[in-house]
Amino acid sequence: MKIELTSPNSSLESIFSEPSQLITLDANLLIPPDRSLFGVRALPFKFFHEVWLEPVFTAFPRLPEEVISSSQPQELPYTFLQMLFDS
């Protein structure tokens, strides 16, 4: 993967400048990366929660509410998100 670092990411700048806008969220954003097939140890969930999920939900406090209210069926996302906050 090639990462371009010479100019700011306009999409991220837009989200940070106007966090109340509607954004599309991929479920993979909520799943800890697992590179164990490549010999890299998986991140402990507690670490992933502290360094990724908490900051995302702090920056976008309505995100869990939006995920729950727009999902069908509601039981699965609610259970997953509830597990995150209960852990």
PDB file of N, CA and C in Angstrom:
ATOM      1  N   MET A   1       0.852  -1.166   0.000  1.00  0.00           N
ATOM      2  CA  MET A   1       0.000   0.000   0.000  1.00  0.00           C
ATOM      3  C   MET A   1       0.901   1.233   0.000  1.00  0.00           C
ATOM      4  N   LYS A   2       0.530   2.196  -0.821  1.00  0.00           N
ATOM      5  CA  LYS A   2       1.292   3.434  -0.894  1.00  0.00           C
ATOM      6  C   LYS A   2       0.503   4.542  -0.183  1.00  0.00           C
ATOM      7  N   ILE A   3       1.157   5.246   0.712  1.00  0.00           N
ATOM      8  CA  ILE A   3       0.509   6.319   1.462  1.00  0.00           C
ATOM      9  C   ILE A   3       1.094   7.649   1.016  1.00  0.00           C
ATOM     10  N   GLU A   4       0.229   8.537   0.595  1.00  0.00           N
ATOM     11  CA  GLU A   4       0.647   9.845   0.099  1.00  0.00           C
ATOM     12  C   GLU A   4       0.658  10.830   1.267  1.00  0.00           C
ATOM     13  N   LEU A   5       1.831  11.356   1.588  1.00  0.00           N
ATOM     14  CA  LEU A   5       1.971  12.219   2.757  1.00  0.00           C
ATOM     15  C   LEU A   5       2.358  13.657   2.415  1.00  0.00           C
ATOM     16  N   THR A   6       2.375  14.007   1.140  1.00  0.00           N
ATOM     17  CA  THR A   6       2.841  15.347   0.773  1.00  0.00           C
ATOM     18  C   THR A   6       1.743  16.404   0.829  1.00  0.00           C
ATOM     19  N   SER A   7       0.486  15.975   0.865  1.00  0.00           N
ATOM     20  CA  SER A   7      -0.600  16.957   0.963  1.00  0.00           C
ATOM     21  C   SER A   7      -1.667  16.434   1.925  1.00  0.00           C
ATOM     22  N   PRO A   8      -2.415  17.347   2.556  1.00  0.00           N
ATOM     23  CA  PRO A   8      -3.455  16.926   3.507  1.00  0.00           C
ATOM     24  C   PRO A   8      -4.579  16.155   2.802  1.00  0.00           C
ATOM     25  N   ASN A   9      -5.208  15.271   3.545  1.00  0.00           N
ATOM     26  CA  ASN A   9      -6.349  14.520   3.044  1.00  0.00           C
ATOM     27  C   ASN A   9      -7.586  15.405   3.171  1.00  0.00           C
ATOM     28  N   SER A  10      -8.137  15.812   2.040  1.00  0.00           N
ATOM     29  CA  SER A  10      -9.270  16.751   2.060  1.00  0.00           C
ATOM     30  C   SER A  10     -10.513  16.154   2.718  1.00  0.00           C
ATOM     31  N   SER A  11     -10.693  14.856   2.594  1.00  0.00           N
ATOM     32  CA  SER A  11     -11.855  14.215   3.233  1.00  0.00           C
ATOM     33  C   SER A  11     -11.747  14.284   4.751  1.00  0.00           C
ATOM     34  N   LEU A  12     -10.567  13.981   5.280  1.00  0.00           N
ATOM     35  CA  LEU A  12     -10.378  14.076   6.731  1.00  0.00           C
ATOM     36  C   LEU A  12     -10.502  15.509   7.215  1.00  0.00           C
ATOM     37  N   GLU A  13      -9.939  16.451   6.478  1.00  0.00           N
ATOM     38  CA  GLU A  13     -10.057  17.859   6.860  1.00  0.00           C
ATOM     39  C   GLU A  13     -11.525  18.274   6.928  1.00  0.00           C
ATOM     40  N   SER A  14     -12.320  17.821   5.975  1.00  0.00           N
ATOM     41  CA  SER A  14     -13.744  18.143   5.947  1.00  0.00           C
ATOM     42  C   SER A  14     -14.471  17.577   7.161  1.00  0.00           C
ATOM     43  N   ILE A  15     -14.171  16.327   7.492  1.00  0.00           N
ATOM     44  CA  ILE A  15     -14.819  15.693   8.648  1.00  0.00           C
ATOM     45  C   ILE A  15     -14.441  16.410   9.938  1.00  0.00           C
ATOM     46  N   PHE A  16     -13.153  16.742  10.098  1.00  0.00           N
ATOM     47  CA  PHE A  16     -12.710  17.412  11.325  1.00  0.00           C
ATOM     48  C   PHE A  16     -13.266  18.827  11.436  1.00  0.00           C
ATOM     49  N   SER A  17     -13.417  19.517  10.318  1.00  0.00           N
ATOM     50  CA  SER A  17     -13.914  20.891  10.368  1.00  0.00           C
ATOM     51  C   SER A  17     -15.425  20.943  10.563  1.00  0.00           C
ATOM     52  N   GLU A  18     -16.136  19.888  10.150  1.00  0.00           N
ATOM     53  CA  GLU A  18     -17.591  19.854  10.299  1.00  0.00           C
ATOM     54  C   GLU A  18     -18.032  18.458  10.743  1.00  0.00           C
ATOM     55  N   PRO A  19     -17.815  18.102  12.012  1.00  0.00           N
ATOM     56  CA  PRO A  19     -18.100  16.742  12.466  1.00  0.00           C
ATOM     57  C   PRO A  19     -19.585  16.376  12.489  1.00  0.00           C
ATOM     58  N   SER A  20     -20.479  17.338  12.324  1.00  0.00           N
ATOM     59  CA  SER A  20     -21.905  17.020  12.345  1.00  0.00           C
ATOM     60  C   SER A  20     -22.423  16.554  10.988  1.00  0.00           C
ATOM     61  N   GLN A  21     -21.577  16.587   9.964  1.00  0.00           N
ATOM     62  CA  GLN A  21     -22.031  16.160   8.648  1.00  0.00           C
ATOM     63  C   GLN A  21     -22.251  14.654   8.595  1.00  0.00           C
ATOM     64  N   LEU A  22     -23.059  14.225   7.642  1.00  0.00           N
ATOM     65  CA  LEU A  22     -23.341  12.812   7.455  1.00  0.00           C
ATOM     66  C   LEU A  22     -22.152  12.155   6.756  1.00  0.00           C
ATOM     67  N   ILE A  23     -21.645  11.095   7.358  1.00  0.00           N
ATOM     68  CA  ILE A  23     -20.537  10.353   6.746  1.00  0.00           C
ATOM     69  C   ILE A  23     -20.920   8.886   6.649  1.00  0.00           C
ATOM     70  N   THR A  24     -20.336   8.205   5.696  1.00  0.00           N
ATOM     71  CA  THR A  24     -20.564   6.773   5.536  1.00  0.00           C
ATOM     72  C   THR A  24     -19.520   6.037   6.360  1.00  0.00           C
ATOM     73  N   LEU A  25     -19.971   5.095   7.147  1.00  0.00           N
ATOM     74  CA  LEU A  25     -19.081   4.345   8.024  1.00  0.00           C
ATOM     75  C   LEU A  25     -19.060   2.889   7.590  1.00  0.00           C
ATOM     76  N   ASP A  26     -17.891   2.386   7.337  1.00  0.00           N
ATOM     77  CA  ASP A  26     -17.722   0.979   7.015  1.00  0.00           C
ATOM     78  C   ASP A  26     -17.540   0.218   8.330  1.00  0.00           C
ATOM     79  N   ALA A  27     -18.160  -0.917   8.446  1.00  0.00           N
ATOM     80  CA  ALA A  27     -18.069  -1.709   9.677  1.00  0.00           C
ATOM     81  C   ALA A  27     -16.637  -2.099  10.006  1.00  0.00           C
ATOM     82  N   ASN A  28     -15.778  -2.175   9.004  1.00  0.00           N
ATOM     83  CA  ASN A  28     -14.376  -2.533   9.261  1.00  0.00           C
ATOM     84  C   ASN A  28     -13.681  -1.513  10.145  1.00  0.00           C
ATOM     85  N   LEU A  29     -14.214  -0.318  10.219  1.00  0.00           N
ATOM     86  CA  LEU A  29     -13.649   0.703  11.097  1.00  0.00           C
ATOM     87  C   LEU A  29     -13.738   0.281  12.563  1.00  0.00           C
ATOM     88  N   LEU A  30     -14.701  -0.582  12.878  1.00  0.00           N
ATOM     89  CA  LEU A  30     -14.940  -1.002  14.258  1.00  0.00           C
ATOM     90  C   LEU A  30     -14.305  -2.346  14.603  1.00  0.00           C
ATOM     91  N   ILE A  31     -13.639  -2.964  13.629  1.00  0.00           N
ATOM     92  CA  ILE A  31     -13.052  -4.286  13.835  1.00  0.00           C
ATOM     93  C   ILE A  31     -11.534  -4.143  13.971  1.00  0.00           C
ATOM     94  N   PRO A  32     -10.972  -4.674  15.038  1.00  0.00           N
ATOM     95  CA  PRO A  32      -9.514  -4.569  15.197  1.00  0.00           C
ATOM     96  C   PRO A  32      -8.784  -5.271  14.052  1.00  0.00           C
ATOM     97  N   PRO A  33      -7.708  -4.678  13.563  1.00  0.00           N
ATOM     98  CA  PRO A  33      -6.958  -5.330  12.484  1.00  0.00           C
ATOM     99  C   PRO A  33      -6.298  -6.614  12.988  1.00  0.00           C
ATOM    100  N   ASP A  34      -6.265  -7.605  12.126  1.00  0.00           N
ATOM    101  CA  ASP A  34      -5.632  -8.876  12.466  1.00  0.00           C
ATOM    102  C   ASP A  34      -4.698  -9.260  11.321  1.00  0.00           C
ATOM    103  N   ARG A  35      -3.413  -9.134  11.559  1.00  0.00           N
ATOM    104  CA  ARG A  35      -2.413  -9.465  10.543  1.00  0.00           C
ATOM    105  C   ARG A  35      -1.678 -10.752  10.919  1.00  0.00           C
ATOM    106  N   SER A  36      -2.340 -11.613  11.699  1.00  0.00           N
ATOM    107  CA  SER A  36      -1.683 -12.822  12.174  1.00  0.00           C
ATOM    108  C   SER A  36      -1.299 -13.757  11.025  1.00  0.00           C
ATOM    109  N   LEU A  37      -1.990 -13.701   9.902  1.00  0.00           N
ATOM    110  CA  LEU A  37      -1.616 -14.524   8.753  1.00  0.00           C
ATOM    111  C   LEU A  37      -0.255 -14.129   8.204  1.00  0.00           C
ATOM    112  N   PHE A  38       0.173 -12.898   8.503  1.00  0.00           N
ATOM    113  CA  PHE A  38       1.462 -12.400   8.024  1.00  0.00           C
ATOM    114  C   PHE A  38       2.524 -12.425   9.124  1.00  0.00           C
ATOM    115  N   GLY A  39       2.234 -13.143  10.201  1.00  0.00           N
ATOM    116  CA  GLY A  39       3.203 -13.275  11.281  1.00  0.00           C
ATOM    117  C   GLY A  39       3.248 -12.097  12.233  1.00  0.00           C
ATOM    118  N   VAL A  40       2.275 -11.206  12.152  1.00  0.00           N
ATOM    119  CA  VAL A  40       2.214 -10.045  13.044  1.00  0.00           C
ATOM    120  C   VAL A  40       1.147 -10.321  14.096  1.00  0.00           C
ATOM    121  N   ARG A  41       1.519 -10.165  15.347  1.00  0.00           N
ATOM    122  CA  ARG A  41       0.584 -10.427  16.438  1.00  0.00           C
ATOM    123  C   ARG A  41      -0.609  -9.473  16.374  1.00  0.00           C
ATOM    124  N   ALA A  42      -1.797  -9.988  16.590  1.00  0.00           N
ATOM    125  CA  ALA A  42      -3.011  -9.171  16.584  1.00  0.00           C
ATOM    126  C   ALA A  42      -2.995  -8.190  17.749  1.00  0.00           C
ATOM    127  N   LEU A  43      -3.646  -7.036  17.541  1.00  0.00           N
ATOM    128  CA  LEU A  43      -3.756  -6.047  18.621  1.00  0.00           C
ATOM    129  C   LEU A  43      -4.704  -6.561  19.697  1.00  0.00           C
ATOM    130  N   PRO A  44      -4.354  -6.408  20.950  1.00  0.00           N
ATOM    131  CA  PRO A  44      -5.312  -6.742  22.013  1.00  0.00           C
ATOM    132  C   PRO A  44      -6.518  -5.787  21.904  1.00  0.00           C
ATOM    133  N   PHE A  45      -7.710  -6.324  22.137  1.00  0.00           N
ATOM    134  CA  PHE A  45      -8.903  -5.495  21.975  1.00  0.00           C
ATOM    135  C   PHE A  45      -8.871  -4.276  22.896  1.00  0.00           C
ATOM    136  N   LYS A  46      -8.381  -4.443  24.107  1.00  0.00           N
ATOM    137  CA  LYS A  46      -8.332  -3.315  25.044  1.00  0.00           C
ATOM    138  C   LYS A  46      -7.496  -2.170  24.473  1.00  0.00           C
ATOM    139  N   PHE A  47      -6.352  -2.484  23.864  1.00  0.00           N
ATOM    140  CA  PHE A  47      -5.499  -1.470  23.244  1.00  0.00           C
ATOM    141  C   PHE A  47      -6.224  -0.805  22.069  1.00  0.00           C
ATOM    142  N   PHE A  48      -6.842  -1.615  21.203  1.00  0.00           N
ATOM    143  CA  PHE A  48      -7.599  -1.093  20.056  1.00  0.00           C
ATOM    144  C   PHE A  48      -8.714  -0.163  20.539  1.00  0.00           C
ATOM    145  N   HIS A  49      -9.390  -0.563  21.591  1.00  0.00           N
ATOM    146  CA  HIS A  49     -10.470   0.233  22.157  1.00  0.00           C
ATOM    147  C   HIS A  49      -9.948   1.583  22.646  1.00  0.00           C
ATOM    148  N   GLU A  50      -8.822   1.581  23.355  1.00  0.00           N
ATOM    149  CA  GLU A  50      -8.281   2.815  23.924  1.00  0.00           C
ATOM    150  C   GLU A  50      -7.700   3.764  22.878  1.00  0.00           C
ATOM    151  N   VAL A  51      -6.996   3.218  21.883  1.00  0.00           N
ATOM    152  CA  VAL A  51      -6.306   4.093  20.925  1.00  0.00           C
ATOM    153  C   VAL A  51      -7.112   4.384  19.666  1.00  0.00           C
ATOM    154  N   TRP A  52      -8.180   3.605  19.415  1.00  0.00           N
ATOM    155  CA  TRP A  52      -8.943   3.851  18.191  1.00  0.00           C
ATOM    156  C   TRP A  52     -10.419   4.137  18.474  1.00  0.00           C
ATOM    157  N   LEU A  53     -11.112   3.215  19.118  1.00  0.00           N
ATOM    158  CA  LEU A  53     -12.556   3.375  19.289  1.00  0.00           C
ATOM    159  C   LEU A  53     -12.933   4.547  20.187  1.00  0.00           C
ATOM    160  N   GLU A  54     -12.295   4.663  21.354  1.00  0.00           N
ATOM    161  CA  GLU A  54     -12.621   5.778  22.245  1.00  0.00           C
ATOM    162  C   GLU A  54     -12.403   7.127  21.582  1.00  0.00           C
ATOM    163  N   PRO A  55     -11.251   7.371  20.917  1.00  0.00           N
ATOM    164  CA  PRO A  55     -11.075   8.665  20.240  1.00  0.00           C
ATOM    165  C   PRO A  55     -12.100   8.909  19.128  1.00  0.00           C
ATOM    166  N   VAL A  56     -12.438   7.874  18.364  1.00  0.00           N
ATOM    167  CA  VAL A  56     -13.429   8.057  17.289  1.00  0.00           C
ATOM    168  C   VAL A  56     -14.783   8.414  17.891  1.00  0.00           C
ATOM    169  N   PHE A  57     -15.205   7.692  18.932  1.00  0.00           N
ATOM    170  CA  PHE A  57     -16.505   7.969  19.537  1.00  0.00           C
ATOM    171  C   PHE A  57     -16.515   9.275  20.322  1.00  0.00           C
ATOM    172  N   THR A  58     -15.354   9.717  20.791  1.00  0.00           N
ATOM    173  CA  THR A  58     -15.259  11.011  21.456  1.00  0.00           C
ATOM    174  C   THR A  58     -15.376  12.139  20.432  1.00  0.00           C
ATOM    175  N   ALA A  59     -14.696  11.977  19.306  1.00  0.00           N
ATOM    176  CA  ALA A  59     -14.744  12.997  18.254  1.00  0.00           C
ATOM    177  C   ALA A  59     -16.121  13.057  17.600  1.00  0.00           C
ATOM    178  N   PHE A  60     -16.787  11.911  17.501  1.00  0.00           N
ATOM    179  CA  PHE A  60     -18.101  11.832  16.854  1.00  0.00           C
ATOM    180  C   PHE A  60     -19.068  11.146  17.822  1.00  0.00           C
ATOM    181  N   PRO A  61     -19.547  11.866  18.832  1.00  0.00           N
ATOM    182  CA  PRO A  61     -20.335  11.237  19.892  1.00  0.00           C
ATOM    183  C   PRO A  61     -21.666  10.647  19.431  1.00  0.00           C
ATOM    184  N   ARG A  62     -22.195  11.095  18.304  1.00  0.00           N
ATOM    185  CA  ARG A  62     -23.471  10.546  17.833  1.00  0.00           C
ATOM    186  C   ARG A  62     -23.286   9.311  16.967  1.00  0.00           C
ATOM    187  N   LEU A  63     -22.058   8.924  16.702  1.00  0.00           N
ATOM    188  CA  LEU A  63     -21.795   7.785  15.828  1.00  0.00           C
ATOM    189  C   LEU A  63     -22.450   6.494  16.309  1.00  0.00           C
ATOM    190  N   PRO A  64     -22.301   6.073  17.561  1.00  0.00           N
ATOM    191  CA  PRO A  64     -22.977   4.844  17.989  1.00  0.00           C
ATOM    192  C   PRO A  64     -24.490   4.944  17.843  1.00  0.00           C
ATOM    193  N   GLU A  65     -25.052   6.099  18.140  1.00  0.00           N
ATOM    194  CA  GLU A  65     -26.491   6.316  18.008  1.00  0.00           C
ATOM    195  C   GLU A  65     -26.925   6.150  16.550  1.00  0.00           C
ATOM    196  N   GLU A  66     -26.144   6.707  15.624  1.00  0.00           N
ATOM    197  CA  GLU A  66     -26.465   6.607  14.206  1.00  0.00           C
ATOM    198  C   GLU A  66     -26.345   5.176  13.712  1.00  0.00           C
ATOM    199  N   VAL A  67     -25.326   4.456  14.161  1.00  0.00           N
ATOM    200  CA  VAL A  67     -25.144   3.068  13.739  1.00  0.00           C
ATOM    201  C   VAL A  67     -26.330   2.237  14.200  1.00  0.00           C
ATOM    202  N   ILE A  68     -26.739   2.432  15.436  1.00  0.00           N
ATOM    203  CA  ILE A  68     -27.853   1.656  15.986  1.00  0.00           C
ATOM    204  C   ILE A  68     -29.159   2.000  15.295  1.00  0.00           C
ATOM    205  N   SER A  69     -29.443   3.288  15.095  1.00  0.00           N
ATOM    206  CA  SER A  69     -30.735   3.685  14.549  1.00  0.00           C
ATOM    207  C   SER A  69     -30.884   3.365  13.069  1.00  0.00           C
ATOM    208  N   SER A  70     -29.775   3.209  12.340  1.00  0.00           N
ATOM    209  CA  SER A  70     -29.888   2.960  10.908  1.00  0.00           C
ATOM    210  C   SER A  70     -29.689   1.494  10.539  1.00  0.00           C
ATOM    211  N   SER A  71     -29.524   0.608  11.504  1.00  0.00           N
ATOM    212  CA  SER A  71     -29.223  -0.792  11.219  1.00  0.00           C
ATOM    213  C   SER A  71     -30.476  -1.643  11.237  1.00  0.00           C
ATOM    214  N   GLN A  72     -30.442  -2.699  10.411  1.00  0.00           N
ATOM    215  CA  GLN A  72     -31.492  -3.699  10.398  1.00  0.00           C
ATOM    216  C   GLN A  72     -30.846  -5.064  10.392  1.00  0.00           C
ATOM    217  N   PRO A  73     -31.141  -5.992  11.228  1.00  0.00           N
ATOM    218  CA  PRO A  73     -31.918  -5.808  12.445  1.00  0.00           C
ATOM    219  C   PRO A  73     -31.105  -5.070  13.507  1.00  0.00           C
ATOM    220  N   GLN A  74     -31.781  -4.440  14.425  1.00  0.00           N
ATOM    221  CA  GLN A  74     -31.102  -3.611  15.412  1.00  0.00           C
ATOM    222  C   GLN A  74     -30.364  -4.424  16.473  1.00  0.00           C
ATOM    223  N   GLU A  75     -30.763  -5.648  16.697  1.00  0.00           N
ATOM    224  CA  GLU A  75     -30.156  -6.412  17.779  1.00  0.00           C
ATOM    225  C   GLU A  75     -28.653  -6.620  17.580  1.00  0.00           C
ATOM    226  N   LEU A  76     -28.212  -6.930  16.367  1.00  0.00           N
ATOM    227  CA  LEU A  76     -26.804  -7.224  16.143  1.00  0.00           C
ATOM    228  C   LEU A  76     -25.896  -6.024  16.380  1.00  0.00           C
ATOM    229  N   PRO A  77     -26.129  -4.860  15.753  1.00  0.00           N
ATOM    230  CA  PRO A  77     -25.244  -3.723  16.043  1.00  0.00           C
ATOM    231  C   PRO A  77     -25.318  -3.277  17.496  1.00  0.00           C
ATOM    232  N   TYR A  78     -26.508  -3.316  18.083  1.00  0.00           N
ATOM    233  CA  TYR A  78     -26.627  -2.901  19.478  1.00  0.00           C
ATOM    234  C   TYR A  78     -25.788  -3.819  20.364  1.00  0.00           C
ATOM    235  N   THR A  79     -25.842  -5.096  20.123  1.00  0.00           N
ATOM    236  CA  THR A  79     -25.074  -6.044  20.924  1.00  0.00           C
ATOM    237  C   THR A  79     -23.592  -5.783  20.767  1.00  0.00           C
ATOM    238  N   PHE A  80     -23.132  -5.559  19.539  1.00  0.00           N
ATOM    239  CA  PHE A  80     -21.723  -5.303  19.285  1.00  0.00           C
ATOM    240  C   PHE A  80     -21.274  -4.013  19.957  1.00  0.00           C
ATOM    241  N   LEU A  81     -22.012  -2.936  19.783  1.00  0.00           N
ATOM    242  CA  LEU A  81     -21.649  -1.664  20.384  1.00  0.00           C
ATOM    243  C   LEU A  81     -21.748  -1.712  21.903  1.00  0.00           C
ATOM    244  N   GLN A  82     -22.745  -2.399  22.410  1.00  0.00           N
ATOM    245  CA  GLN A  82     -22.879  -2.526  23.858  1.00  0.00           C
ATOM    246  C   GLN A  82     -21.675  -3.268  24.436  1.00  0.00           C
ATOM    247  N   MET A  83     -21.213  -4.288  23.708  1.00  0.00           N
ATOM    248  CA  MET A  83     -20.030  -5.024  24.151  1.00  0.00           C
ATOM    249  C   MET A  83     -18.820  -4.090  24.209  1.00  0.00           C
ATOM    250  N   LEU A  84     -18.680  -3.207  23.224  1.00  0.00           N
ATOM    251  CA  LEU A  84     -17.560  -2.283  23.214  1.00  0.00           C
ATOM    252  C   LEU A  84     -17.571  -1.383  24.430  1.00  0.00           C
ATOM    253  N   PHE A  85     -18.731  -0.854  24.762  1.00  0.00           N
ATOM    254  CA  PHE A  85     -18.811   0.082  25.878  1.00  0.00           C
ATOM    255  C   PHE A  85     -18.781  -0.620  27.218  1.00  0.00           C
ATOM    256  N   ASP A  86     -19.211  -1.862  27.268  1.00  0.00           N
ATOM    257  CA  ASP A  86     -19.193  -2.600  28.517  1.00  0.00           C
ATOM    258  C   ASP A  86     -17.810  -3.144  28.847  1.00  0.00           C
ATOM    259  N   SER A  87     -16.959  -3.257  27.838  1.00  0.00           N
ATOM    260  CA  SER A  87     -15.623  -3.855  28.088  1.00  0.00           C
ATOM    261  C   SER A  87     -14.664  -2.876  28.735  1.00  0.00           C
TER     262      SER A  87
END
